[in-house]
Amino acid sequence: MTADDTFSRLDDDDYPAYTMGRAADMLGTTQSFLRAIGEHRLITPLRSPGGHRRYSRYQLRIAARARELVDHGTPIDAACRIIILEDQLEEAQRINAEHRRNATLRTTATG
């Protein structure tokens, strides 16, 4: 791997660049909070060769959303479920929009 490969990964939202300690510091939370949202299957950090949890920027955004809900009084299990449902809704809306575009294209092409 070259230095260019390493630097290009810095822009990759899915690259697991952050240790658990660094992720907790960035989010202003505890490592146990990160473990808890992992136990609720909200995020699944990758593991380093030594077995340490590593988080991506995408995962940190999800964790930040969970922390926001918990900070407003939502129990952690409910916060994780809310975020999972929000993600499923967003994906369903994206798929529906794609189907509508394809239907419009078919109608335009045949009409």
PDB file of N, CA and C in Angstrom:
ATOM      1  N   MET A   1       0.860  -1.187   0.000  1.00  0.00           N
ATOM      2  CA  MET A   1       0.000   0.000   0.000  1.00  0.00           C
ATOM      3  C   MET A   1       0.894   1.234   0.000  1.00  0.00           C
ATOM      4  N   THR A   2       0.566   2.165  -0.847  1.00  0.00           N
ATOM      5  CA  THR A   2       1.366   3.388  -0.957  1.00  0.00           C
ATOM      6  C   THR A   2       0.769   4.477  -0.077  1.00  0.00           C
ATOM      7  N   ALA A   3       1.533   5.546   0.082  1.00  0.00           N
ATOM      8  CA  ALA A   3       1.043   6.690   0.854  1.00  0.00           C
ATOM      9  C   ALA A   3      -0.193   7.282   0.201  1.00  0.00           C
ATOM     10  N   ASP A   4      -0.227   7.276  -1.143  1.00  0.00           N
ATOM     11  CA  ASP A   4      -1.399   7.797  -1.851  1.00  0.00           C
ATOM     12  C   ASP A   4      -2.642   6.989  -1.520  1.00  0.00           C
ATOM     13  N   ASP A   5      -2.505   5.653  -1.419  1.00  0.00           N
ATOM     14  CA  ASP A   5      -3.641   4.799  -1.052  1.00  0.00           C
ATOM     15  C   ASP A   5      -4.142   5.139   0.348  1.00  0.00           C
ATOM     16  N   THR A   6      -3.214   5.345   1.263  1.00  0.00           N
ATOM     17  CA  THR A   6      -3.581   5.669   2.636  1.00  0.00           C
ATOM     18  C   THR A   6      -4.309   7.003   2.699  1.00  0.00           C
ATOM     19  N   PHE A   7      -3.789   8.003   2.003  1.00  0.00           N
ATOM     20  CA  PHE A   7      -4.421   9.325   2.032  1.00  0.00           C
ATOM     21  C   PHE A   7      -5.783   9.315   1.355  1.00  0.00           C
ATOM     22  N   SER A   8      -5.954   8.517   0.301  1.00  0.00           N
ATOM     23  CA  SER A   8      -7.252   8.468  -0.372  1.00  0.00           C
ATOM     24  C   SER A   8      -8.315   7.884   0.545  1.00  0.00           C
ATOM     25  N   ARG A   9      -7.927   7.033   1.464  1.00  0.00           N
ATOM     26  CA  ARG A   9      -8.886   6.456   2.409  1.00  0.00           C
ATOM     27  C   ARG A   9      -9.416   7.488   3.403  1.00  0.00           C
ATOM     28  N   LEU A  10      -8.701   8.564   3.599  1.00  0.00           N
ATOM     29  CA  LEU A  10      -9.145   9.587   4.540  1.00  0.00           C
ATOM     30  C   LEU A  10     -10.458  10.214   4.106  1.00  0.00           C
ATOM     31  N   ASP A  11     -10.748  10.185   2.820  1.00  0.00           N
ATOM     32  CA  ASP A  11     -12.009  10.725   2.305  1.00  0.00           C
ATOM     33  C   ASP A  11     -13.119   9.676   2.266  1.00  0.00           C
ATOM     34  N   ASP A  12     -12.805   8.444   2.595  1.00  0.00           N
ATOM     35  CA  ASP A  12     -13.763   7.339   2.541  1.00  0.00           C
ATOM     36  C   ASP A  12     -14.564   7.295   3.837  1.00  0.00           C
ATOM     37  N   ASP A  13     -15.872   7.567   3.742  1.00  0.00           N
ATOM     38  CA  ASP A  13     -16.741   7.564   4.929  1.00  0.00           C
ATOM     39  C   ASP A  13     -16.823   6.205   5.607  1.00  0.00           C
ATOM     40  N   ASP A  14     -16.512   5.144   4.865  1.00  0.00           N
ATOM     41  CA  ASP A  14     -16.637   3.794   5.414  1.00  0.00           C
ATOM     42  C   ASP A  14     -15.314   3.223   5.928  1.00  0.00           C
ATOM     43  N   TYR A  15     -14.242   3.971   5.782  1.00  0.00           N
ATOM     44  CA  TYR A  15     -12.947   3.482   6.243  1.00  0.00           C
ATOM     45  C   TYR A  15     -12.879   3.555   7.770  1.00  0.00           C
ATOM     46  N   PRO A  16     -12.575   2.436   8.436  1.00  0.00           N
ATOM     47  CA  PRO A  16     -12.551   2.415   9.908  1.00  0.00           C
ATOM     48  C   PRO A  16     -11.287   3.055  10.475  1.00  0.00           C
ATOM     49  N   ALA A  17     -11.286   4.370  10.533  1.00  0.00           N
ATOM     50  CA  ALA A  17     -10.082   5.115  10.885  1.00  0.00           C
ATOM     51  C   ALA A  17      -9.953   5.433  12.374  1.00  0.00           C
ATOM     52  N   TYR A  18     -11.020   5.286  13.140  1.00  0.00           N
ATOM     53  CA  TYR A  18     -11.028   5.783  14.515  1.00  0.00           C
ATOM     54  C   TYR A  18     -11.095   4.656  15.535  1.00  0.00           C
ATOM     55  N   THR A  19     -10.210   4.726  16.508  1.00  0.00           N
ATOM     56  CA  THR A  19     -10.253   3.771  17.610  1.00  0.00           C
ATOM     57  C   THR A  19     -11.459   4.069  18.485  1.00  0.00           C
ATOM     58  N   MET A  20     -11.802   3.151  19.345  1.00  0.00           N
ATOM     59  CA  MET A  20     -12.933   3.364  20.233  1.00  0.00           C
ATOM     60  C   MET A  20     -12.709   4.586  21.122  1.00  0.00           C
ATOM     61  N   GLY A  21     -11.525   4.733  21.659  1.00  0.00           N
ATOM     62  CA  GLY A  21     -11.234   5.879  22.517  1.00  0.00           C
ATOM     63  C   GLY A  21     -11.361   7.194  21.775  1.00  0.00           C
ATOM     64  N   ARG A  22     -10.819   7.240  20.567  1.00  0.00           N
ATOM     65  CA  ARG A  22     -10.900   8.464  19.762  1.00  0.00           C
ATOM     66  C   ARG A  22     -12.344   8.747  19.368  1.00  0.00           C
ATOM     67  N   ALA A  23     -13.082   7.715  18.994  1.00  0.00           N
ATOM     68  CA  ALA A  23     -14.490   7.888  18.616  1.00  0.00           C
ATOM     69  C   ALA A  23     -15.295   8.432  19.798  1.00  0.00           C
ATOM     70  N   ALA A  24     -15.081   7.874  20.977  1.00  0.00           N
ATOM     71  CA  ALA A  24     -15.790   8.342  22.167  1.00  0.00           C
ATOM     72  C   ALA A  24     -15.447   9.795  22.458  1.00  0.00           C
ATOM     73  N   ASP A  25     -14.178  10.153  22.335  1.00  0.00           N
ATOM     74  CA  ASP A  25     -13.763  11.547  22.552  1.00  0.00           C
ATOM     75  C   ASP A  25     -14.437  12.485  21.549  1.00  0.00           C
ATOM     76  N   MET A  26     -14.451  12.089  20.301  1.00  0.00           N
ATOM     77  CA  MET A  26     -15.040  12.929  19.255  1.00  0.00           C
ATOM     78  C   MET A  26     -16.532  13.144  19.483  1.00  0.00           C
ATOM     79  N   LEU A  27     -17.210  12.117  19.996  1.00  0.00           N
ATOM     80  CA  LEU A  27     -18.652  12.197  20.225  1.00  0.00           C
ATOM     81  C   LEU A  27     -19.002  12.783  21.585  1.00  0.00           C
ATOM     82  N   GLY A  28     -17.993  12.924  22.439  1.00  0.00           N
ATOM     83  CA  GLY A  28     -18.258  13.414  23.789  1.00  0.00           C
ATOM     84  C   GLY A  28     -19.064  12.421  24.604  1.00  0.00           C
ATOM     85  N   THR A  29     -18.763  11.151  24.411  1.00  0.00           N
ATOM     86  CA  THR A  29     -19.485  10.098  25.104  1.00  0.00           C
ATOM     87  C   THR A  29     -18.491   9.105  25.699  1.00  0.00           C
ATOM     88  N   THR A  30     -18.981   8.003  26.174  1.00  0.00           N
ATOM     89  CA  THR A  30     -18.112   6.998  26.778  1.00  0.00           C
ATOM     90  C   THR A  30     -17.941   5.806  25.847  1.00  0.00           C
ATOM     91  N   GLN A  31     -16.919   5.045  26.113  1.00  0.00           N
ATOM     92  CA  GLN A  31     -16.712   3.821  25.347  1.00  0.00           C
ATOM     93  C   GLN A  31     -17.839   2.825  25.608  1.00  0.00           C
ATOM     94  N   SER A  32     -18.388   2.843  26.800  1.00  0.00           N
ATOM     95  CA  SER A  32     -19.492   1.920  27.102  1.00  0.00           C
ATOM     96  C   SER A  32     -20.734   2.263  26.269  1.00  0.00           C
ATOM     97  N   PHE A  33     -20.923   3.550  25.948  1.00  0.00           N
ATOM     98  CA  PHE A  33     -22.032   3.935  25.081  1.00  0.00           C
ATOM     99  C   PHE A  33     -21.839   3.308  23.701  1.00  0.00           C
ATOM    100  N   LEU A  34     -20.611   3.376  23.175  1.00  0.00           N
ATOM    101  CA  LEU A  34     -20.331   2.779  21.871  1.00  0.00           C
ATOM    102  C   LEU A  34     -20.529   1.268  21.908  1.00  0.00           C
ATOM    103  N   ARG A  35     -20.121   0.635  22.997  1.00  0.00           N
ATOM    104  CA  ARG A  35     -20.351  -0.808  23.136  1.00  0.00           C
ATOM    105  C   ARG A  35     -21.850  -1.112  23.154  1.00  0.00           C
ATOM    106  N   ALA A  36     -22.608  -0.280  23.874  1.00  0.00           N
ATOM    107  CA  ALA A  36     -24.053  -0.505  23.999  1.00  0.00           C
ATOM    108  C   ALA A  36     -24.757  -0.397  22.651  1.00  0.00           C
ATOM    109  N   ILE A  37     -24.428   0.602  21.849  1.00  0.00           N
ATOM    110  CA  ILE A  37     -25.105   0.704  20.556  1.00  0.00           C
ATOM    111  C   ILE A  37     -24.647  -0.409  19.617  1.00  0.00           C
ATOM    112  N   GLY A  38     -23.459  -0.924  19.860  1.00  0.00           N
ATOM    113  CA  GLY A  38     -23.017  -2.108  19.119  1.00  0.00           C
ATOM    114  C   GLY A  38     -23.796  -3.340  19.525  1.00  0.00           C
ATOM    115  N   GLU A  39     -24.061  -3.487  20.815  1.00  0.00           N
ATOM    116  CA  GLU A  39     -24.846  -4.618  21.311  1.00  0.00           C
ATOM    117  C   GLU A  39     -26.273  -4.583  20.779  1.00  0.00           C
ATOM    118  N   HIS A  40     -26.790  -3.372  20.540  1.00  0.00           N
ATOM    119  CA  HIS A  40     -28.138  -3.223  19.976  1.00  0.00           C
ATOM    120  C   HIS A  40     -28.122  -3.281  18.452  1.00  0.00           C
ATOM    121  N   ARG A  41     -26.946  -3.602  17.901  1.00  0.00           N
ATOM    122  CA  ARG A  41     -26.745  -3.784  16.460  1.00  0.00           C
ATOM    123  C   ARG A  41     -27.036  -2.537  15.636  1.00  0.00           C
ATOM    124  N   LEU A  42     -26.850  -1.382  16.242  1.00  0.00           N
ATOM    125  CA  LEU A  42     -26.995  -0.145  15.484  1.00  0.00           C
ATOM    126  C   LEU A  42     -25.794   0.032  14.557  1.00  0.00           C
ATOM    127  N   ILE A  43     -24.612  -0.195  15.093  1.00  0.00           N
ATOM    128  CA  ILE A  43     -23.388  -0.166  14.290  1.00  0.00           C
ATOM    129  C   ILE A  43     -22.547  -1.378  14.672  1.00  0.00           C
ATOM    130  N   THR A  44     -21.771  -1.835  13.719  1.00  0.00           N
ATOM    131  CA  THR A  44     -20.862  -2.949  13.969  1.00  0.00           C
ATOM    132  C   THR A  44     -19.468  -2.497  13.567  1.00  0.00           C
ATOM    133  N   PRO A  45     -18.663  -2.109  14.542  1.00  0.00           N
ATOM    134  CA  PRO A  45     -17.324  -1.637  14.195  1.00  0.00           C
ATOM    135  C   PRO A  45     -16.482  -2.778  13.635  1.00  0.00           C
ATOM    136  N   LEU A  46     -15.558  -2.418  12.773  1.00  0.00           N
ATOM    137  CA  LEU A  46     -14.608  -3.405  12.291  1.00  0.00           C
ATOM    138  C   LEU A  46     -13.573  -3.640  13.383  1.00  0.00           C
ATOM    139  N   ARG A  47     -12.851  -4.716  13.272  1.00  0.00           N
ATOM    140  CA  ARG A  47     -11.822  -5.031  14.258  1.00  0.00           C
ATOM    141  C   ARG A  47     -10.443  -4.937  13.625  1.00  0.00           C
ATOM    142  N   SER A  48      -9.517  -4.355  14.364  1.00  0.00           N
ATOM    143  CA  SER A  48      -8.126  -4.300  13.908  1.00  0.00           C
ATOM    144  C   SER A  48      -7.548  -5.712  14.023  1.00  0.00           C
ATOM    145  N   PRO A  49      -6.372  -5.951  13.444  1.00  0.00           N
ATOM    146  CA  PRO A  49      -5.753  -7.276  13.593  1.00  0.00           C
ATOM    147  C   PRO A  49      -5.581  -7.678  15.060  1.00  0.00           C
ATOM    148  N   GLY A  50      -5.446  -6.705  15.948  1.00  0.00           N
ATOM    149  CA  GLY A  50      -5.316  -6.986  17.372  1.00  0.00           C
ATOM    150  C   GLY A  50      -6.646  -7.143  18.091  1.00  0.00           C
ATOM    151  N   GLY A  51      -7.766  -7.006  17.358  1.00  0.00           N
ATOM    152  CA  GLY A  51      -9.088  -7.197  17.946  1.00  0.00           C
ATOM    153  C   GLY A  51      -9.737  -5.932  18.479  1.00  0.00           C
ATOM    154  N   HIS A  52      -9.115  -4.780  18.270  1.00  0.00           N
ATOM    155  CA  HIS A  52      -9.661  -3.523  18.768  1.00  0.00           C
ATOM    156  C   HIS A  52     -10.734  -2.983  17.821  1.00  0.00           C
ATOM    157  N   ARG A  53     -11.759  -2.386  18.400  1.00  0.00           N
ATOM    158  CA  ARG A  53     -12.836  -1.811  17.582  1.00  0.00           C
ATOM    159  C   ARG A  53     -12.333  -0.577  16.840  1.00  0.00           C
ATOM    160  N   ARG A  54     -12.753  -0.475  15.572  1.00  0.00           N
ATOM    161  CA  ARG A  54     -12.407   0.676  14.735  1.00  0.00           C
ATOM    162  C   ARG A  54     -13.684   1.176  14.076  1.00  0.00           C
ATOM    163  N   TYR A  55     -13.874   2.500  14.081  1.00  0.00           N
ATOM    164  CA  TYR A  55     -15.110   3.118  13.594  1.00  0.00           C
ATOM    165  C   TYR A  55     -14.849   4.007  12.387  1.00  0.00           C
ATOM    166  N   SER A  56     -15.817   4.050  11.494  1.00  0.00           N
ATOM    167  CA  SER A  56     -15.749   4.926  10.321  1.00  0.00           C
ATOM    168  C   SER A  56     -16.482   6.230  10.626  1.00  0.00           C
ATOM    169  N   ARG A  57     -16.293   7.203   9.745  1.00  0.00           N
ATOM    170  CA  ARG A  57     -17.015   8.479   9.910  1.00  0.00           C
ATOM    171  C   ARG A  57     -18.520   8.252   9.794  1.00  0.00           C
ATOM    172  N   TYR A  58     -18.930   7.366   8.892  1.00  0.00           N
ATOM    173  CA  TYR A  58     -20.355   7.051   8.747  1.00  0.00           C
ATOM    174  C   TYR A  58     -20.912   6.503  10.066  1.00  0.00           C
ATOM    175  N   GLN A  59     -20.190   5.583  10.680  1.00  0.00           N
ATOM    176  CA  GLN A  59     -20.631   5.017  11.953  1.00  0.00           C
ATOM    177  C   GLN A  59     -20.665   6.070  13.052  1.00  0.00           C
ATOM    178  N   LEU A  60     -19.732   6.999  13.026  1.00  0.00           N
ATOM    179  CA  LEU A  60     -19.726   8.062  14.026  1.00  0.00           C
ATOM    180  C   LEU A  60     -20.938   8.973  13.874  1.00  0.00           C
ATOM    181  N   ARG A  61     -21.370   9.220  12.637  1.00  0.00           N
ATOM    182  CA  ARG A  61     -22.586  10.027  12.435  1.00  0.00           C
ATOM    183  C   ARG A  61     -23.807   9.307  13.005  1.00  0.00           C
ATOM    184  N   ILE A  62     -23.878   8.007  12.814  1.00  0.00           N
ATOM    185  CA  ILE A  62     -24.987   7.229  13.371  1.00  0.00           C
ATOM    186  C   ILE A  62     -24.931   7.266  14.893  1.00  0.00           C
ATOM    187  N   ALA A  63     -23.747   7.083  15.446  1.00  0.00           N
ATOM    188  CA  ALA A  63     -23.584   7.113  16.897  1.00  0.00           C
ATOM    189  C   ALA A  63     -23.948   8.486  17.460  1.00  0.00           C
ATOM    190  N   ALA A  64     -23.608   9.545  16.730  1.00  0.00           N
ATOM    191  CA  ALA A  64     -23.949  10.905  17.176  1.00  0.00           C
ATOM    192  C   ALA A  64     -25.459  11.084  17.213  1.00  0.00           C
ATOM    193  N   ARG A  65     -26.163  10.528  16.230  1.00  0.00           N
ATOM    194  CA  ARG A  65     -27.635  10.600  16.214  1.00  0.00           C
ATOM    195  C   ARG A  65     -28.204   9.846  17.412  1.00  0.00           C
ATOM    196  N   ALA A  66     -27.634   8.689  17.723  1.00  0.00           N
ATOM    197  CA  ALA A  66     -28.084   7.916  18.886  1.00  0.00           C
ATOM    198  C   ALA A  66     -27.853   8.703  20.170  1.00  0.00           C
ATOM    199  N   ARG A  67     -26.689   9.318  20.261  1.00  0.00           N
ATOM    200  CA  ARG A  67     -26.386  10.102  21.456  1.00  0.00           C
ATOM    201  C   ARG A  67     -27.369  11.267  21.601  1.00  0.00           C
ATOM    202  N   GLU A  68     -27.710  11.906  20.490  1.00  0.00           N
ATOM    203  CA  GLU A  68     -28.669  13.009  20.516  1.00  0.00           C
ATOM    204  C   GLU A  68     -30.017  12.538  21.086  1.00  0.00           C
ATOM    205  N   LEU A  69     -30.495  11.401  20.621  1.00  0.00           N
ATOM    206  CA  LEU A  69     -31.774  10.872  21.113  1.00  0.00           C
ATOM    207  C   LEU A  69     -31.687  10.509  22.595  1.00  0.00           C
ATOM    208  N   VAL A  70     -30.594   9.861  22.981  1.00  0.00           N
ATOM    209  CA  VAL A  70     -30.415   9.470  24.383  1.00  0.00           C
ATOM    210  C   VAL A  70     -30.303  10.695  25.273  1.00  0.00           C
ATOM    211  N   ASP A  71     -29.597  11.707  24.805  1.00  0.00           N
ATOM    212  CA  ASP A  71     -29.465  12.949  25.576  1.00  0.00           C
ATOM    213  C   ASP A  71     -30.809  13.636  25.796  1.00  0.00           C
ATOM    214  N   HIS A  72     -31.774  13.372  24.896  1.00  0.00           N
ATOM    215  CA  HIS A  72     -33.118  13.946  25.037  1.00  0.00           C
ATOM    216  C   HIS A  72     -34.068  13.016  25.779  1.00  0.00           C
ATOM    217  N   GLY A  73     -33.527  11.962  26.396  1.00  0.00           N
ATOM    218  CA  GLY A  73     -34.339  11.108  27.256  1.00  0.00           C
ATOM    219  C   GLY A  73     -34.840   9.812  26.654  1.00  0.00           C
ATOM    220  N   THR A  74     -34.469   9.528  25.420  1.00  0.00           N
ATOM    221  CA  THR A  74     -34.904   8.278  24.801  1.00  0.00           C
ATOM    222  C   THR A  74     -34.020   7.135  25.308  1.00  0.00           C
ATOM    223  N   PRO A  75     -34.621   6.040  25.754  1.00  0.00           N
ATOM    224  CA  PRO A  75     -33.799   4.892  26.173  1.00  0.00           C
ATOM    225  C   PRO A  75     -32.937   4.403  25.006  1.00  0.00           C
ATOM    226  N   ILE A  76     -31.769   3.886  25.313  1.00  0.00           N
ATOM    227  CA  ILE A  76     -30.807   3.531  24.267  1.00  0.00           C
ATOM    228  C   ILE A  76     -31.364   2.495  23.300  1.00  0.00           C
ATOM    229  N   ASP A  77     -32.119   1.505  23.797  1.00  0.00           N
ATOM    230  CA  ASP A  77     -32.668   0.502  22.889  1.00  0.00           C
ATOM    231  C   ASP A  77     -33.685   1.123  21.933  1.00  0.00           C
ATOM    232  N   ALA A  78     -34.492   2.046  22.434  1.00  0.00           N
ATOM    233  CA  ALA A  78     -35.470   2.734  21.586  1.00  0.00           C
ATOM    234  C   ALA A  78     -34.771   3.652  20.594  1.00  0.00           C
ATOM    235  N   ALA A  79     -33.721   4.330  21.036  1.00  0.00           N
ATOM    236  CA  ALA A  79     -32.971   5.221  20.140  1.00  0.00           C
ATOM    237  C   ALA A  79     -32.387   4.418  18.980  1.00  0.00           C
ATOM    238  N   CYS A  80     -31.831   3.272  19.280  1.00  0.00           N
ATOM    239  CA  CYS A  80     -31.259   2.432  18.222  1.00  0.00           C
ATOM    240  C   CYS A  80     -32.344   1.980  17.254  1.00  0.00           C
ATOM    241  N   ARG A  81     -33.492   1.590  17.772  1.00  0.00           N
ATOM    242  CA  ARG A  81     -34.588   1.147  16.896  1.00  0.00           C
ATOM    243  C   ARG A  81     -35.097   2.303  16.027  1.00  0.00           C
ATOM    244  N   ILE A  82     -35.214   3.484  16.608  1.00  0.00           N
ATOM    245  CA  ILE A  82     -35.653   4.666  15.848  1.00  0.00           C
ATOM    246  C   ILE A  82     -34.710   4.920  14.682  1.00  0.00           C
ATOM    247  N   ILE A  83     -33.423   4.873  14.932  1.00  0.00           N
ATOM    248  CA  ILE A  83     -32.443   5.152  13.887  1.00  0.00           C
ATOM    249  C   ILE A  83     -32.495   4.078  12.799  1.00  0.00           C
ATOM    250  N   ILE A  84     -32.647   2.832  13.186  1.00  0.00           N
ATOM    251  CA  ILE A  84     -32.774   1.756  12.209  1.00  0.00           C
ATOM    252  C   ILE A  84     -34.010   1.974  11.342  1.00  0.00           C
ATOM    253  N   LEU A  85     -35.129   2.343  11.963  1.00  0.00           N
ATOM    254  CA  LEU A  85     -36.356   2.602  11.209  1.00  0.00           C
ATOM    255  C   LEU A  85     -36.216   3.822  10.303  1.00  0.00           C
ATOM    256  N   GLU A  86     -35.543   4.861  10.788  1.00  0.00           N
ATOM    257  CA  GLU A  86     -35.301   6.043   9.945  1.00  0.00           C
ATOM    258  C   GLU A  86     -34.498   5.660   8.707  1.00  0.00           C
ATOM    259  N   ASP A  87     -33.496   4.820   8.907  1.00  0.00           N
ATOM    260  CA  ASP A  87     -32.651   4.381   7.798  1.00  0.00           C
ATOM    261  C   ASP A  87     -33.467   3.548   6.806  1.00  0.00           C
ATOM    262  N   GLN A  88     -34.313   2.656   7.313  1.00  0.00           N
ATOM    263  CA  GLN A  88     -35.156   1.839   6.435  1.00  0.00           C
ATOM    264  C   GLN A  88     -36.136   2.709   5.657  1.00  0.00           C
ATOM    265  N   LEU A  89     -36.695   3.714   6.305  1.00  0.00           N
ATOM    266  CA  LEU A  89     -37.617   4.624   5.629  1.00  0.00           C
ATOM    267  C   LEU A  89     -36.901   5.389   4.522  1.00  0.00           C
ATOM    268  N   GLU A  90     -35.721   5.896   4.817  1.00  0.00           N
ATOM    269  CA  GLU A  90     -34.948   6.631   3.810  1.00  0.00           C
ATOM    270  C   GLU A  90     -34.648   5.748   2.599  1.00  0.00           C
ATOM    271  N   GLU A  91     -34.272   4.507   2.848  1.00  0.00           N
ATOM    272  CA  GLU A  91     -33.987   3.581   1.750  1.00  0.00           C
ATOM    273  C   GLU A  91     -35.252   3.289   0.942  1.00  0.00           C
ATOM    274  N   ALA A  92     -36.379   3.084   1.607  1.00  0.00           N
ATOM    275  CA  ALA A  92     -37.647   2.835   0.909  1.00  0.00           C
ATOM    276  C   ALA A  92     -38.037   4.044   0.062  1.00  0.00           C
ATOM    277  N   GLN A  93     -37.852   5.239   0.577  1.00  0.00           N
ATOM    278  CA  GLN A  93     -38.169   6.442  -0.185  1.00  0.00           C
ATOM    279  C   GLN A  93     -37.259   6.582  -1.403  1.00  0.00           C
ATOM    280  N   ARG A  94     -35.990   6.227  -1.251  1.00  0.00           N
ATOM    281  CA  ARG A  94     -35.052   6.273  -2.369  1.00  0.00           C
ATOM    282  C   ARG A  94     -35.485   5.284  -3.462  1.00  0.00           C
ATOM    283  N   ILE A  95     -35.855   4.082  -3.059  1.00  0.00           N
ATOM    284  CA  ILE A  95     -36.299   3.064  -4.016  1.00  0.00           C
ATOM    285  C   ILE A  95     -37.581   3.505  -4.717  1.00  0.00           C
ATOM    286  N   ASN A  96     -38.525   4.051  -3.959  1.00  0.00           N
ATOM    287  CA  ASN A  96     -39.774   4.534  -4.560  1.00  0.00           C
ATOM    288  C   ASN A  96     -39.516   5.640  -5.573  1.00  0.00           C
ATOM    289  N   ALA A  97     -38.636   6.561  -5.250  1.00  0.00           N
ATOM    290  CA  ALA A  97     -38.311   7.650  -6.176  1.00  0.00           C
ATOM    291  C   ALA A  97     -37.682   7.092  -7.450  1.00  0.00           C
ATOM    292  N   GLU A  98     -36.833   6.086  -7.298  1.00  0.00           N
ATOM    293  CA  GLU A  98     -36.218   5.452  -8.463  1.00  0.00           C
ATOM    294  C   GLU A  98     -37.281   4.767  -9.329  1.00  0.00           C
ATOM    295  N   HIS A  99     -38.230   4.077  -8.708  1.00  0.00           N
ATOM    296  CA  HIS A  99     -39.317   3.437  -9.454  1.00  0.00           C
ATOM    297  C   HIS A  99     -40.173   4.475 -10.188  1.00  0.00           C
ATOM    298  N   ARG A 100     -40.448   5.580  -9.516  1.00  0.00           N
ATOM    299  CA  ARG A 100     -41.232   6.645 -10.168  1.00  0.00           C
ATOM    300  C   ARG A 100     -40.496   7.209 -11.376  1.00  0.00           C
ATOM    301  N   ARG A 101     -39.186   7.439 -11.239  1.00  0.00           N
ATOM    302  CA  ARG A 101     -38.392   7.938 -12.370  1.00  0.00           C
ATOM    303  C   ARG A 101     -38.425   6.950 -13.529  1.00  0.00           C
ATOM    304  N   ASN A 102     -38.248   5.665 -13.224  1.00  0.00           N
ATOM    305  CA  ASN A 102     -38.263   4.646 -14.279  1.00  0.00           C
ATOM    306  C   ASN A 102     -39.631   4.567 -14.943  1.00  0.00           C
ATOM    307  N   ALA A 103     -40.707   4.664 -14.161  1.00  0.00           N
ATOM    308  CA  ALA A 103     -42.056   4.632 -14.731  1.00  0.00           C
ATOM    309  C   ALA A 103     -42.285   5.836 -15.636  1.00  0.00           C
ATOM    310  N   THR A 104     -41.806   6.986 -15.212  1.00  0.00           N
ATOM    311  CA  THR A 104     -41.942   8.201 -16.021  1.00  0.00           C
ATOM    312  C   THR A 104     -41.163   8.061 -17.326  1.00  0.00           C
ATOM    313  N   LEU A 105     -39.977   7.500 -17.250  1.00  0.00           N
ATOM    314  CA  LEU A 105     -39.170   7.295 -18.460  1.00  0.00           C
ATOM    315  C   LEU A 105     -39.854   6.325 -19.415  1.00  0.00           C
ATOM    316  N   ARG A 106     -40.427   5.260 -18.878  1.00  0.00           N
ATOM    317  CA  ARG A 106     -41.139   4.285 -19.732  1.00  0.00           C
ATOM    318  C   ARG A 106     -42.352   4.924 -20.380  1.00  0.00           C
ATOM    319  N   THR A 107     -43.089   5.714 -19.616  1.00  0.00           N
ATOM    320  CA  THR A 107     -44.277   6.386 -20.135  1.00  0.00           C
ATOM    321  C   THR A 107     -43.894   7.371 -21.230  1.00  0.00           C
ATOM    322  N   THR A 108     -42.843   8.119 -21.001  1.00  0.00           N
ATOM    323  CA  THR A 108     -42.366   9.107 -21.965  1.00  0.00           C
ATOM    324  C   THR A 108     -41.879   8.407 -23.240  1.00  0.00           C
ATOM    325  N   ALA A 109     -41.200   7.286 -23.091  1.00  0.00           N
ATOM    326  CA  ALA A 109     -40.653   6.563 -24.253  1.00  0.00           C
ATOM    327  C   ALA A 109     -41.741   5.926 -25.094  1.00  0.00           C
ATOM    328  N   THR A 110     -42.848   5.492 -24.464  1.00  0.00           N
ATOM    329  CA  THR A 110     -43.919   4.812 -25.204  1.00  0.00           C
ATOM    330  C   THR A 110     -45.007   5.768 -25.629  1.00  0.00           C
ATOM    331  N   GLY A 111     -45.023   6.939 -25.050  1.00  0.00           N
ATOM    332  CA  GLY A 111     -46.120   7.861 -25.292  1.00  0.00           C
ATOM    333  C   GLY A 111     -45.855   8.809 -26.350  1.00  0.00           C
TER     334      GLY A 111
END
